[in-house]
């Protein structure tokens, strides 16, 4: 994973700083998926490869496929 900086409203920034780590982790995953959907130009090959990498990283971090599906569904 790599860190990027995104500007947000002051209220959002404060809420982010005060949110529990589990909530921030779920939000980071949603943002990662949303950005990938918007920015990856070759949705078939690049996106599939991205999803495989993301699943592997999330699994290593302790997230199950079921939890990932719930995150996507909640969006």
PDB file of N, CA and C in Angstrom:
ATOM      1  N   UNK A   1       0.840  -1.176   0.000  1.00  0.00           N
ATOM      2  CA  UNK A   1       0.000   0.000   0.000  1.00  0.00           C
ATOM      3  C   UNK A   1       0.885   1.238   0.000  1.00  0.00           C
ATOM      4  N   UNK A   2       0.317   2.310  -0.530  1.00  0.00           N
ATOM      5  CA  UNK A   2       1.014   3.587  -0.598  1.00  0.00           C
ATOM      6  C   UNK A   2       0.106   4.677  -0.038  1.00  0.00           C
ATOM      7  N   UNK A   3       0.695   5.684   0.553  1.00  0.00           N
ATOM      8  CA  UNK A   3      -0.065   6.784   1.133  1.00  0.00           C
ATOM      9  C   UNK A   3      -0.217   7.906   0.119  1.00  0.00           C
ATOM     10  N   UNK A   4      -1.440   8.472   0.017  1.00  0.00           N
ATOM     11  CA  UNK A   4      -1.699   9.661  -0.774  1.00  0.00           C
ATOM     12  C   UNK A   4      -2.412  10.658   0.122  1.00  0.00           C
ATOM     13  N   UNK A   5      -2.474  11.908  -0.303  1.00  0.00           N
ATOM     14  CA  UNK A   5      -3.135  12.945   0.481  1.00  0.00           C
ATOM     15  C   UNK A   5      -4.339  13.443  -0.300  1.00  0.00           C
ATOM     16  N   UNK A   6      -5.492  13.511   0.362  1.00  0.00           N
ATOM     17  CA  UNK A   6      -6.723  13.992  -0.254  1.00  0.00           C
ATOM     18  C   UNK A   6      -7.299  15.079   0.646  1.00  0.00           C
ATOM     19  N   UNK A   7      -7.653  16.219   0.063  1.00  0.00           N
ATOM     20  CA  UNK A   7      -8.259  17.295   0.830  1.00  0.00           C
ATOM     21  C   UNK A   7      -9.721  16.974   1.127  1.00  0.00           C
ATOM     22  N   UNK A   8     -10.112  17.242   2.367  1.00  0.00           N
ATOM     23  CA  UNK A   8     -11.501  17.051   2.788  1.00  0.00           C
ATOM     24  C   UNK A   8     -11.925  18.263   3.614  1.00  0.00           C
ATOM     25  N   UNK A   9     -13.224  18.384   3.842  1.00  0.00           N
ATOM     26  CA  UNK A   9     -13.743  19.452   4.687  1.00  0.00           C
ATOM     27  C   UNK A   9     -13.207  19.302   6.108  1.00  0.00           C
ATOM     28  N   UNK A  10     -13.149  20.420   6.825  1.00  0.00           N
ATOM     29  CA  UNK A  10     -12.646  20.416   8.200  1.00  0.00           C
ATOM     30  C   UNK A  10     -13.427  19.453   9.091  1.00  0.00           C
ATOM     31  N   UNK A  11     -14.738  19.438   8.925  1.00  0.00           N
ATOM     32  CA  UNK A  11     -15.576  18.556   9.742  1.00  0.00           C
ATOM     33  C   UNK A  11     -15.250  17.088   9.485  1.00  0.00           C
ATOM     34  N   UNK A  12     -15.028  16.747   8.225  1.00  0.00           N
ATOM     35  CA  UNK A  12     -14.675  15.368   7.867  1.00  0.00           C
ATOM     36  C   UNK A  12     -13.317  14.999   8.466  1.00  0.00           C
ATOM     37  N   UNK A  13     -12.353  15.912   8.374  1.00  0.00           N
ATOM     38  CA  UNK A  13     -11.025  15.646   8.926  1.00  0.00           C
ATOM     39  C   UNK A  13     -11.093  15.393  10.427  1.00  0.00           C
ATOM     40  N   UNK A  14     -11.875  16.198  11.126  1.00  0.00           N
ATOM     41  CA  UNK A  14     -12.016  16.018  12.571  1.00  0.00           C
ATOM     42  C   UNK A  14     -12.685  14.685  12.897  1.00  0.00           C
ATOM     43  N   UNK A  15     -13.727  14.365  12.146  1.00  0.00           N
ATOM     44  CA  UNK A  15     -14.424  13.096  12.374  1.00  0.00           C
ATOM     45  C   UNK A  15     -13.480  11.921  12.123  1.00  0.00           C
ATOM     46  N   UNK A  16     -12.629  12.044  11.102  1.00  0.00           N
ATOM     47  CA  UNK A  16     -11.663  10.992  10.782  1.00  0.00           C
ATOM     48  C   UNK A  16     -10.687  10.793  11.948  1.00  0.00           C
ATOM     49  N   UNK A  17     -10.168  11.887  12.470  1.00  0.00           N
ATOM     50  CA  UNK A  17      -9.212  11.796  13.581  1.00  0.00           C
ATOM     51  C   UNK A  17      -9.851  11.170  14.824  1.00  0.00           C
ATOM     52  N   UNK A  18     -11.138  11.386  15.009  1.00  0.00           N
ATOM     53  CA  UNK A  18     -11.832  10.873  16.197  1.00  0.00           C
ATOM     54  C   UNK A  18     -12.443   9.486  16.007  1.00  0.00           C
ATOM     55  N   UNK A  19     -12.428   8.977  14.785  1.00  0.00           N
ATOM     56  CA  UNK A  19     -13.049   7.675  14.499  1.00  0.00           C
ATOM     57  C   UNK A  19     -12.170   6.540  15.024  1.00  0.00           C
ATOM     58  N   UNK A  20     -12.796   5.458  15.471  1.00  0.00           N
ATOM     59  CA  UNK A  20     -12.025   4.289  15.899  1.00  0.00           C
ATOM     60  C   UNK A  20     -11.279   3.677  14.708  1.00  0.00           C
ATOM     61  N   UNK A  21     -10.189   2.994  14.999  1.00  0.00           N
ATOM     62  CA  UNK A  21      -9.355   2.405  13.940  1.00  0.00           C
ATOM     63  C   UNK A  21     -10.157   1.466  13.035  1.00  0.00           C
ATOM     64  N   UNK A  22     -11.062   0.689  13.588  1.00  0.00           N
ATOM     65  CA  UNK A  22     -11.855  -0.243  12.763  1.00  0.00           C
ATOM     66  C   UNK A  22     -12.694   0.514  11.737  1.00  0.00           C
ATOM     67  N   UNK A  23     -13.258   1.637  12.134  1.00  0.00           N
ATOM     68  CA  UNK A  23     -14.056   2.445  11.206  1.00  0.00           C
ATOM     69  C   UNK A  23     -13.165   3.052  10.132  1.00  0.00           C
ATOM     70  N   UNK A  24     -11.994   3.555  10.527  1.00  0.00           N
ATOM     71  CA  UNK A  24     -11.066   4.132   9.536  1.00  0.00           C
ATOM     72  C   UNK A  24     -10.603   3.070   8.541  1.00  0.00           C
ATOM     73  N   UNK A  25     -10.372   1.870   9.027  1.00  0.00           N
ATOM     74  CA  UNK A  25      -9.937   0.770   8.158  1.00  0.00           C
ATOM     75  C   UNK A  25     -11.017   0.447   7.125  1.00  0.00           C
ATOM     76  N   UNK A  26     -12.250   0.360   7.547  1.00  0.00           N
ATOM     77  CA  UNK A  26     -13.360   0.073   6.626  1.00  0.00           C
ATOM     78  C   UNK A  26     -13.517   1.199   5.609  1.00  0.00           C
ATOM     79  N   UNK A  27     -13.380   2.440   6.059  1.00  0.00           N
ATOM     80  CA  UNK A  27     -13.505   3.588   5.158  1.00  0.00           C
ATOM     81  C   UNK A  27     -12.355   3.603   4.155  1.00  0.00           C
ATOM     82  N   UNK A  28     -11.136   3.325   4.613  1.00  0.00           N
ATOM     83  CA  UNK A  28      -9.991   3.263   3.687  1.00  0.00           C
ATOM     84  C   UNK A  28     -10.237   2.234   2.590  1.00  0.00           C
ATOM     85  N   UNK A  29     -10.802   1.095   2.970  1.00  0.00           N
ATOM     86  CA  UNK A  29     -11.087   0.053   1.977  1.00  0.00           C
ATOM     87  C   UNK A  29     -12.118   0.533   0.965  1.00  0.00           C
ATOM     88  N   UNK A  30     -13.166   1.197   1.432  1.00  0.00           N
ATOM     89  CA  UNK A  30     -14.186   1.725   0.524  1.00  0.00           C
ATOM     90  C   UNK A  30     -13.588   2.758  -0.428  1.00  0.00           C
ATOM     91  N   UNK A  31     -12.767   3.646   0.112  1.00  0.00           N
ATOM     92  CA  UNK A  31     -12.131   4.673  -0.723  1.00  0.00           C
ATOM     93  C   UNK A  31     -11.215   4.027  -1.748  1.00  0.00           C
ATOM     94  N   UNK A  32     -10.442   3.050  -1.339  1.00  0.00           N
ATOM     95  CA  UNK A  32      -9.536   2.351  -2.241  1.00  0.00           C
ATOM     96  C   UNK A  32     -10.299   1.727  -3.407  1.00  0.00           C
ATOM     97  N   UNK A  33     -11.391   1.073  -3.100  1.00  0.00           N
ATOM     98  CA  UNK A  33     -12.205   0.437  -4.143  1.00  0.00           C
ATOM     99  C   UNK A  33     -12.828   1.491  -5.047  1.00  0.00           C
ATOM    100  N   UNK A  34     -13.363   2.554  -4.470  1.00  0.00           N
ATOM    101  CA  UNK A  34     -13.991   3.616  -5.275  1.00  0.00           C
ATOM    102  C   UNK A  34     -12.992   4.292  -6.198  1.00  0.00           C
ATOM    103  N   UNK A  35     -11.814   4.596  -5.676  1.00  0.00           N
ATOM    104  CA  UNK A  35     -10.796   5.225  -6.517  1.00  0.00           C
ATOM    105  C   UNK A  35     -10.366   4.298  -7.645  1.00  0.00           C
ATOM    106  N   UNK A  36     -10.220   3.033  -7.351  1.00  0.00           N
ATOM    107  CA  UNK A  36      -9.836   2.071  -8.385  1.00  0.00           C
ATOM    108  C   UNK A  36     -10.885   2.027  -9.492  1.00  0.00           C
ATOM    109  N   UNK A  37     -12.147   2.013  -9.105  1.00  0.00           N
ATOM    110  CA  UNK A  37     -13.225   1.972 -10.100  1.00  0.00           C
ATOM    111  C   UNK A  37     -13.199   3.219 -10.990  1.00  0.00           C
ATOM    112  N   UNK A  38     -12.849   4.367 -10.431  1.00  0.00           N
ATOM    113  CA  UNK A  38     -12.840   5.625 -11.172  1.00  0.00           C
ATOM    114  C   UNK A  38     -11.576   5.829 -12.000  1.00  0.00           C
ATOM    115  N   UNK A  39     -10.440   5.348 -11.517  1.00  0.00           N
ATOM    116  CA  UNK A  39      -9.168   5.750 -12.098  1.00  0.00           C
ATOM    117  C   UNK A  39      -8.455   4.713 -12.947  1.00  0.00           C
ATOM    118  N   UNK A  40      -8.738   3.466 -12.745  1.00  0.00           N
ATOM    119  CA  UNK A  40      -8.024   2.442 -13.520  1.00  0.00           C
ATOM    120  C   UNK A  40      -8.629   2.378 -14.912  1.00  0.00           C
ATOM    121  N   UNK A  41      -7.782   2.574 -15.922  1.00  0.00           N
ATOM    122  CA  UNK A  41      -8.265   2.732 -17.290  1.00  0.00           C
ATOM    123  C   UNK A  41      -8.582   1.416 -17.995  1.00  0.00           C
ATOM    124  N   UNK A  42      -7.897   0.362 -17.654  1.00  0.00           N
ATOM    125  CA  UNK A  42      -8.173  -0.934 -18.279  1.00  0.00           C
ATOM    126  C   UNK A  42      -8.897  -1.804 -17.258  1.00  0.00           C
ATOM    127  N   UNK A  43     -10.217  -1.667 -17.191  1.00  0.00           N
ATOM    128  CA  UNK A  43     -10.945  -2.311 -16.103  1.00  0.00           C
ATOM    129  C   UNK A  43     -10.828  -3.828 -16.062  1.00  0.00           C
ATOM    130  N   UNK A  44     -10.586  -4.452 -17.173  1.00  0.00           N
ATOM    131  CA  UNK A  44     -10.555  -5.904 -17.156  1.00  0.00           C
ATOM    132  C   UNK A  44      -9.294  -6.439 -16.504  1.00  0.00           C
ATOM    133  N   UNK A  45      -8.157  -6.209 -17.133  1.00  0.00           N
ATOM    134  CA  UNK A  45      -6.916  -6.800 -16.646  1.00  0.00           C
ATOM    135  C   UNK A  45      -6.374  -6.094 -15.411  1.00  0.00           C
ATOM    136  N   UNK A  46      -6.258  -4.773 -15.459  1.00  0.00           N
ATOM    137  CA  UNK A  46      -5.692  -4.043 -14.331  1.00  0.00           C
ATOM    138  C   UNK A  46      -6.571  -4.146 -13.087  1.00  0.00           C
ATOM    139  N   UNK A  47      -7.863  -4.023 -13.269  1.00  0.00           N
ATOM    140  CA  UNK A  47      -8.772  -4.058 -12.121  1.00  0.00           C
ATOM    141  C   UNK A  47      -8.792  -5.441 -11.483  1.00  0.00           C
ATOM    142  N   UNK A  48      -8.791  -6.472 -12.303  1.00  0.00           N
ATOM    143  CA  UNK A  48      -8.772  -7.837 -11.770  1.00  0.00           C
ATOM    144  C   UNK A  48      -7.493  -8.070 -10.981  1.00  0.00           C
ATOM    145  N   UNK A  49      -6.373  -7.618 -11.524  1.00  0.00           N
ATOM    146  CA  UNK A  49      -5.099  -7.748 -10.831  1.00  0.00           C
ATOM    147  C   UNK A  49      -5.116  -6.956  -9.534  1.00  0.00           C
ATOM    148  N   UNK A  50      -5.667  -5.748  -9.592  1.00  0.00           N
ATOM    149  CA  UNK A  50      -5.780  -4.915  -8.395  1.00  0.00           C
ATOM    150  C   UNK A  50      -6.611  -5.612  -7.324  1.00  0.00           C
ATOM    151  N   UNK A  51      -7.745  -6.173  -7.721  1.00  0.00           N
ATOM    152  CA  UNK A  51      -8.621  -6.847  -6.749  1.00  0.00           C
ATOM    153  C   UNK A  51      -7.930  -8.042  -6.115  1.00  0.00           C
ATOM    154  N   UNK A  52      -7.172  -8.788  -6.901  1.00  0.00           N
ATOM    155  CA  UNK A  52      -6.451  -9.935  -6.354  1.00  0.00           C
ATOM    156  C   UNK A  52      -5.427  -9.478  -5.318  1.00  0.00           C
ATOM    157  N   UNK A  53      -4.706  -8.400  -5.632  1.00  0.00           N
ATOM    158  CA  UNK A  53      -3.730  -7.859  -4.698  1.00  0.00           C
ATOM    159  C   UNK A  53      -4.421  -7.347  -3.442  1.00  0.00           C
ATOM    160  N   UNK A  54      -5.522  -6.623  -3.627  1.00  0.00           N
ATOM    161  CA  UNK A  54      -6.265  -6.080  -2.498  1.00  0.00           C
ATOM    162  C   UNK A  54      -6.791  -7.195  -1.603  1.00  0.00           C
ATOM    163  N   UNK A  55      -7.351  -8.236  -2.192  1.00  0.00           N
ATOM    164  CA  UNK A  55      -7.856  -9.364  -1.391  1.00  0.00           C
ATOM    165  C   UNK A  55      -6.738  -9.990  -0.564  1.00  0.00           C
ATOM    166  N   UNK A  56      -5.583 -10.150  -1.195  1.00  0.00           N
ATOM    167  CA  UNK A  56      -4.447 -10.748  -0.498  1.00  0.00           C
ATOM    168  C   UNK A  56      -3.998  -9.865   0.670  1.00  0.00           C
ATOM    169  N   UNK A  57      -3.902  -8.555   0.432  1.00  0.00           N
ATOM    170  CA  UNK A  57      -3.484  -7.635   1.483  1.00  0.00           C
ATOM    171  C   UNK A  57      -4.512  -7.577   2.608  1.00  0.00           C
ATOM    172  N   UNK A  58      -5.786  -7.560   2.257  1.00  0.00           N
ATOM    173  CA  UNK A  58      -6.825  -7.493   3.280  1.00  0.00           C
ATOM    174  C   UNK A  58      -6.866  -8.786   4.078  1.00  0.00           C
ATOM    175  N   UNK A  59      -6.645  -9.903   3.410  1.00  0.00           N
ATOM    176  CA  UNK A  59      -6.608 -11.185   4.100  1.00  0.00           C
ATOM    177  C   UNK A  59      -5.444 -11.216   5.095  1.00  0.00           C
ATOM    178  N   UNK A  60      -4.298 -10.699   4.665  1.00  0.00           N
ATOM    179  CA  UNK A  60      -3.136 -10.634   5.551  1.00  0.00           C
ATOM    180  C   UNK A  60      -3.408  -9.728   6.746  1.00  0.00           C
ATOM    181  N   UNK A  61      -4.266  -8.720   6.538  1.00  0.00           N
ATOM    182  CA  UNK A  61      -4.606  -7.790   7.615  1.00  0.00           C
ATOM    183  C   UNK A  61      -5.726  -8.327   8.502  1.00  0.00           C
ATOM    184  N   UNK A  62      -6.245  -9.510   8.169  1.00  0.00           N
ATOM    185  CA  UNK A  62      -7.260 -10.128   9.006  1.00  0.00           C
ATOM    186  C   UNK A  62      -8.693  -9.955   8.537  1.00  0.00           C
ATOM    187  N   UNK A  63      -8.899  -9.301   7.377  1.00  0.00           N
ATOM    188  CA  UNK A  63     -10.255  -9.147   6.854  1.00  0.00           C
ATOM    189  C   UNK A  63     -10.618 -10.368   6.011  1.00  0.00           C
ATOM    190  N   UNK A  64     -11.797 -10.885   6.221  1.00  0.00           N
ATOM    191  CA  UNK A  64     -12.258 -12.034   5.451  1.00  0.00           C
ATOM    192  C   UNK A  64     -12.979 -11.569   4.189  1.00  0.00           C
ATOM    193  N   UNK A  65     -13.187 -12.467   3.246  1.00  0.00           N
ATOM    194  CA  UNK A  65     -13.935 -12.137   2.031  1.00  0.00           C
ATOM    195  C   UNK A  65     -15.354 -11.687   2.393  1.00  0.00           C
ATOM    196  N   UNK A  66     -15.935 -12.307   3.403  1.00  0.00           N
ATOM    197  CA  UNK A  66     -17.280 -11.924   3.842  1.00  0.00           C
ATOM    198  C   UNK A  66     -17.310 -10.473   4.321  1.00  0.00           C
ATOM    199  N   UNK A  67     -16.308 -10.074   5.114  1.00  0.00           N
ATOM    200  CA  UNK A  67     -16.249  -8.691   5.585  1.00  0.00           C
ATOM    201  C   UNK A  67     -16.062  -7.716   4.421  1.00  0.00           C
ATOM    202  N   UNK A  68     -15.216  -8.079   3.459  1.00  0.00           N
ATOM    203  CA  UNK A  68     -15.020  -7.229   2.281  1.00  0.00           C
ATOM    204  C   UNK A  68     -16.317  -7.094   1.487  1.00  0.00           C
ATOM    205  N   UNK A  69     -17.030  -8.201   1.324  1.00  0.00           N
ATOM    206  CA  UNK A  69     -18.316  -8.150   0.613  1.00  0.00           C
ATOM    207  C   UNK A  69     -19.297  -7.239   1.329  1.00  0.00           C
ATOM    208  N   UNK A  70     -19.310  -7.286   2.668  1.00  0.00           N
ATOM    209  CA  UNK A  70     -20.199  -6.413   3.436  1.00  0.00           C
ATOM    210  C   UNK A  70     -19.829  -4.950   3.250  1.00  0.00           C
ATOM    211  N   UNK A  71     -18.541  -4.639   3.203  1.00  0.00           N
ATOM    212  CA  UNK A  71     -18.095  -3.266   2.977  1.00  0.00           C
ATOM    213  C   UNK A  71     -18.586  -2.770   1.628  1.00  0.00           C
ATOM    214  N   UNK A  72     -18.415  -3.582   0.601  1.00  0.00           N
ATOM    215  CA  UNK A  72     -18.861  -3.196  -0.743  1.00  0.00           C
ATOM    216  C   UNK A  72     -20.370  -3.061  -0.795  1.00  0.00           C
ATOM    217  N   UNK A  73     -21.077  -3.992  -0.191  1.00  0.00           N
ATOM    218  CA  UNK A  73     -22.543  -3.959  -0.194  1.00  0.00           C
ATOM    219  C   UNK A  73     -23.089  -2.728   0.539  1.00  0.00           C
ATOM    220  N   UNK A  74     -22.434  -2.342   1.643  1.00  0.00           N
ATOM    221  CA  UNK A  74     -22.869  -1.186   2.417  1.00  0.00           C
ATOM    222  C   UNK A  74     -22.758   0.111   1.639  1.00  0.00           C
ATOM    223  N   UNK A  75     -21.855   0.136   0.684  1.00  0.00           N
ATOM    224  CA  UNK A  75     -21.669   1.341  -0.120  1.00  0.00           C
ATOM    225  C   UNK A  75     -22.880   1.564  -0.958  1.00  0.00           C
TER     226      UNK A  75
END
